[in-house]
Protein backbone atom coordinates (compact mmCIF):
# COMPACT_ATOMS: atom_id res chain seq x y z
CA MET A 1 -39.70 -43.81 3.25
CA LEU A 2 -42.05 -41.38 1.53
CA GLU A 3 -41.31 -37.64 1.57
CA LEU A 4 -44.02 -35.03 1.05
CA CYS A 5 -44.28 -31.26 1.19
CA ILE A 6 -47.44 -30.20 3.02
CA SER A 7 -48.17 -26.52 3.72
CA GLY A 8 -44.49 -25.72 3.35
CA LYS A 9 -43.36 -28.41 5.81
CA THR A 10 -41.20 -31.40 4.91
CA VAL A 11 -42.98 -34.60 5.98
CA GLU A 12 -41.09 -37.90 6.00
CA ILE A 13 -43.24 -41.02 6.45
CA PHE A 14 -41.71 -44.28 7.69
CA ARG A 15 -44.67 -46.60 7.41
CA ALA A 16 -45.31 -49.72 9.48
CA LYS A 17 -46.02 -52.93 7.60
CA GLU A 18 -48.53 -54.03 10.22
CA PRO A 19 -52.08 -52.54 10.11
CA ASP A 20 -53.42 -50.53 13.05
CA SER A 21 -49.96 -49.63 14.33
CA PRO A 22 -49.51 -46.41 16.34
CA VAL A 23 -48.27 -43.41 14.38
CA VAL A 24 -45.76 -41.05 15.93
CA TYR A 25 -45.71 -37.41 14.77
CA LEU A 26 -42.24 -36.07 15.54
CA ASN A 27 -41.56 -32.36 15.07
CA SER A 28 -37.87 -32.00 14.28
CA TYR A 29 -35.37 -29.14 14.07
CA ALA A 30 -32.85 -31.13 12.06
CA LYS A 31 -33.49 -33.65 9.30
CA ASP A 32 -32.61 -36.56 11.58
CA GLY A 33 -35.64 -38.73 10.82
CA LYS A 34 -33.67 -41.59 9.26
CA ALA A 35 -31.28 -41.78 12.20
CA ILE A 36 -34.11 -41.76 14.75
CA TYR A 37 -36.08 -44.33 12.78
CA SER A 38 -33.04 -46.63 12.55
CA GLU A 39 -32.42 -46.36 16.28
CA LEU A 40 -36.09 -47.02 17.00
CA ARG A 41 -36.07 -50.12 14.83
CA ARG A 42 -33.06 -51.33 16.81
CA ILE A 43 -34.49 -50.82 20.31
CA CYS A 44 -38.28 -51.09 19.86
CA GLN A 45 -40.03 -54.43 19.42
CA LYS A 46 -43.50 -53.05 18.64
CA PRO A 47 -44.60 -51.94 15.15
CA PHE A 48 -45.08 -48.22 14.54
CA SER A 49 -45.21 -45.59 11.83
CA LEU A 50 -42.96 -42.58 12.25
CA VAL A 51 -43.84 -39.22 10.68
CA VAL A 52 -41.05 -36.66 10.92
CA ILE A 53 -42.00 -33.04 10.25
CA SER A 54 -39.25 -30.51 9.58
CA SER A 55 -38.74 -27.20 7.73
CA LEU A 56 -40.45 -25.66 10.73
CA GLU A 57 -40.23 -22.02 11.79
CA TRP A 58 -38.80 -23.24 15.08
CA ASN A 59 -39.22 -20.17 17.30
CA ARG A 60 -42.69 -19.56 15.89
CA ASP A 61 -44.31 -22.94 15.19
CA MET A 62 -43.27 -24.62 18.45
CA VAL A 63 -43.99 -21.73 20.82
CA PRO A 64 -47.40 -21.05 22.44
CA TRP A 65 -47.02 -17.29 22.86
CA SER A 66 -44.59 -14.49 22.10
CA HIS A 67 -41.69 -13.61 24.36
CA PRO A 68 -38.49 -11.60 23.89
CA ALA A 69 -35.22 -13.40 23.23
CA LEU A 70 -33.56 -14.82 26.33
CA ALA A 71 -30.04 -13.71 25.41
CA ASP A 72 -28.14 -11.33 23.18
CA LYS A 73 -28.04 -12.50 19.54
CA ALA A 74 -30.79 -15.06 20.23
CA GLU A 75 -34.05 -14.99 18.31
CA PRO A 76 -37.31 -13.87 19.92
CA PHE A 77 -40.20 -16.28 20.36
CA LEU A 78 -43.08 -15.49 18.02
CA GLY A 79 -45.96 -17.53 19.43
CA GLY A 80 -47.31 -19.43 16.40
CA ALA A 81 -48.04 -22.83 17.93
CA ASP A 82 -51.81 -22.52 17.50
CA ASP A 83 -51.42 -21.72 13.79
CA TYR A 84 -49.07 -24.66 13.28
CA LEU A 85 -51.32 -26.99 15.26
CA ASP A 86 -54.14 -26.04 12.90
CA VAL A 87 -51.97 -27.03 9.93
CA LEU A 88 -50.94 -30.26 11.67
CA GLY A 89 -54.51 -31.26 12.47
CA LYS A 90 -56.22 -30.15 9.27
CA GLU A 91 -53.54 -30.72 6.64
CA ILE A 92 -50.69 -32.97 7.74
CA VAL A 93 -52.46 -35.65 9.78
CA PRO A 94 -55.28 -36.21 7.24
CA GLN A 95 -52.90 -36.38 4.27
CA VAL A 96 -50.51 -38.72 6.05
CA GLU A 97 -53.24 -41.05 7.26
CA ALA A 98 -54.86 -41.14 3.84
CA ARG A 99 -51.64 -42.87 2.78
CA ILE A 100 -50.93 -45.12 5.75
CA GLY A 101 -54.52 -46.03 6.60
CA HIS A 102 -56.17 -46.39 9.98
CA THR A 103 -53.83 -46.06 12.94
CA GLY A 104 -53.61 -47.63 16.38
CA GLY A 105 -53.42 -44.26 18.13
CA ARG A 106 -51.32 -41.14 17.69
CA VAL A 107 -48.26 -39.92 19.59
CA ILE A 108 -47.08 -36.30 19.47
CA ALA A 109 -43.34 -36.13 20.08
CA GLY A 110 -40.53 -33.63 20.11
CA TYR A 111 -37.20 -32.54 21.54
CA SER A 112 -36.41 -29.12 23.02
CA LEU A 113 -39.04 -26.55 21.93
CA ALA A 114 -40.87 -29.37 20.13
CA GLY A 115 -41.20 -31.08 23.51
CA LEU A 116 -42.84 -27.91 24.80
CA PHE A 117 -45.19 -28.04 21.80
CA SER A 118 -46.08 -31.68 22.57
CA ILE A 119 -47.38 -30.78 26.02
CA TYR A 120 -49.07 -27.59 24.82
CA SER A 121 -50.92 -29.50 22.09
CA LEU A 122 -52.69 -31.62 24.73
CA TYR A 123 -54.48 -28.45 25.85
CA ARG A 124 -55.60 -27.55 22.34
CA THR A 125 -56.60 -30.82 20.67
CA ASP A 126 -57.60 -34.40 21.48
CA LEU A 127 -55.87 -35.77 18.35
CA PHE A 128 -53.08 -37.40 20.35
CA SER A 129 -53.42 -40.15 22.93
CA ARG A 130 -49.77 -40.05 24.01
CA ALA A 131 -47.08 -37.36 24.23
CA VAL A 132 -43.30 -37.16 24.36
CA SER A 133 -41.38 -34.18 25.72
CA ALA A 134 -37.70 -35.14 25.43
CA SER A 135 -35.52 -32.46 27.02
CA GLY A 136 -38.58 -30.29 26.50
CA SER A 137 -38.31 -26.53 26.97
CA LEU A 138 -40.82 -26.62 29.81
CA TRP A 139 -38.99 -23.73 31.46
CA PHE A 140 -40.66 -21.50 28.84
CA PRO A 141 -41.93 -18.31 30.53
CA HIS A 142 -45.35 -18.78 32.19
CA PHE A 143 -45.80 -22.30 30.78
CA LYS A 144 -45.92 -24.09 34.12
CA GLU A 145 -48.63 -21.68 35.25
CA PHE A 146 -50.54 -22.34 32.03
CA VAL A 147 -50.37 -26.11 32.57
CA PHE A 148 -51.56 -25.89 36.18
CA SER A 149 -54.44 -23.51 35.49
CA ASN A 150 -55.97 -24.96 32.29
CA GLU A 151 -57.77 -28.18 31.37
CA LEU A 152 -56.54 -30.85 28.98
CA LYS A 153 -58.76 -31.52 25.98
CA ALA A 154 -58.68 -35.19 26.99
CA ASN A 155 -56.45 -37.08 29.39
CA PRO A 156 -53.73 -38.84 27.36
CA GLU A 157 -52.79 -42.43 28.12
CA LYS A 158 -49.07 -41.72 28.59
CA ILE A 159 -46.67 -38.77 28.79
CA TYR A 160 -42.86 -39.02 28.71
CA PHE A 161 -40.57 -36.38 30.21
CA SER A 162 -36.80 -36.16 30.22
CA ILE A 163 -34.10 -33.60 30.92
CA GLY A 164 -30.30 -33.58 30.92
CA ASP A 165 -28.65 -33.36 34.33
CA ARG A 166 -26.52 -30.41 33.12
CA GLU A 167 -29.33 -28.40 31.54
CA SER A 168 -30.08 -26.33 34.64
CA HIS A 169 -26.42 -25.43 35.20
CA THR A 170 -26.72 -21.92 33.82
CA THR A 171 -27.08 -18.36 35.05
CA ASN A 172 -30.09 -17.76 32.80
CA PRO A 173 -33.05 -17.41 35.19
CA TYR A 174 -35.42 -19.26 32.85
CA LEU A 175 -33.17 -22.10 31.73
CA ARG A 176 -32.00 -22.84 35.26
CA ARG A 177 -35.58 -23.91 36.07
CA ALA A 178 -35.56 -26.64 33.40
CA GLU A 179 -35.23 -29.66 35.69
CA ASP A 180 -37.47 -28.33 38.47
CA ASP A 181 -40.27 -27.38 36.07
CA THR A 182 -40.05 -30.69 34.22
CA ARG A 183 -40.24 -32.65 37.48
CA ALA A 184 -43.17 -30.51 38.67
CA MET A 185 -45.17 -31.14 35.49
CA GLU A 186 -44.45 -34.87 35.51
CA GLU A 187 -45.74 -35.06 39.08
CA TYR A 188 -48.79 -32.97 38.20
CA PHE A 189 -49.85 -35.26 35.35
CA ARG A 190 -49.06 -38.40 37.33
CA ASN A 191 -51.34 -37.17 40.11
CA LYS A 192 -54.12 -36.82 37.51
CA GLY A 193 -53.92 -40.57 36.92
CA ILE A 194 -51.92 -40.40 33.68
CA GLU A 195 -49.09 -42.88 33.19
CA THR A 196 -45.87 -40.87 33.11
CA CYS A 197 -42.14 -41.41 32.86
CA PHE A 198 -39.37 -39.07 34.01
CA ILE A 199 -35.77 -39.69 32.93
CA LEU A 200 -32.76 -37.66 34.03
CA ASN A 201 -30.20 -38.11 31.25
CA LYS A 202 -26.48 -37.55 31.59
CA GLY A 203 -25.19 -34.42 29.91
CA ASN A 204 -26.38 -31.11 28.58
CA HIS A 205 -29.20 -30.27 26.20
CA TYR A 206 -27.33 -31.28 23.06
CA LYS A 207 -25.92 -34.67 24.09
CA ASN A 208 -27.19 -37.86 22.40
CA VAL A 209 -30.27 -36.21 20.88
CA VAL A 210 -31.06 -39.10 18.52
CA ALA A 211 -30.74 -41.75 21.22
CA ARG A 212 -32.71 -39.72 23.77
CA THR A 213 -35.49 -39.11 21.26
CA ALA A 214 -35.66 -42.77 20.22
CA ASP A 215 -35.73 -43.96 23.84
CA ALA A 216 -38.58 -41.56 24.58
CA ILE A 217 -40.67 -42.66 21.59
CA SER A 218 -40.00 -46.33 22.33
CA TRP A 219 -41.44 -45.92 25.83
CA SER A 220 -44.48 -44.07 24.52
CA ILE A 221 -45.48 -46.88 22.15
CA GLY A 222 -44.51 -49.71 24.49
């Protein structure tokens, strides 16, 4: 594993031995790259490179537009996804791929707000041919309307969606839409001819994050 600091972000590179392997760019809240990589190596038969990006300003970098906090003592959303996507495309991806060589396609992946960012990125760049939104925050205010009323930069080959079966069990009017909005977006992309996967996991948002993330990435590169 090689660790870099690029534009203030921590970038961990787990490089495939095989040439022309897909490279997965995983935006991560916690430094769980080694655990996810180990689980992926256990369950995935295909070669891949995994690039884990952390030290993110989570409520800024992963969020497409600003919105007030959803609860008392929670942080507001600061809408910096476009700025971070610029850094990802112009700084992180070129520097990573200068080290690992030509790739067999790129996957953008993430859990929670990073899953929201994965889907949003498809509307802003054609860098990624596949996307993973694991327990993605697709309930984010006005995001479903954005998805349905805008055009993708290019149709991806595959998109993965998942949600926990307890995630919508809340009185918060936004969070309670999590499963319905995720199902609606999966159906929307499937009807556009994109290969999709929807998984309803057991548990709440915080259960088995490493395993859920690894399962999602494994499907995307399968």
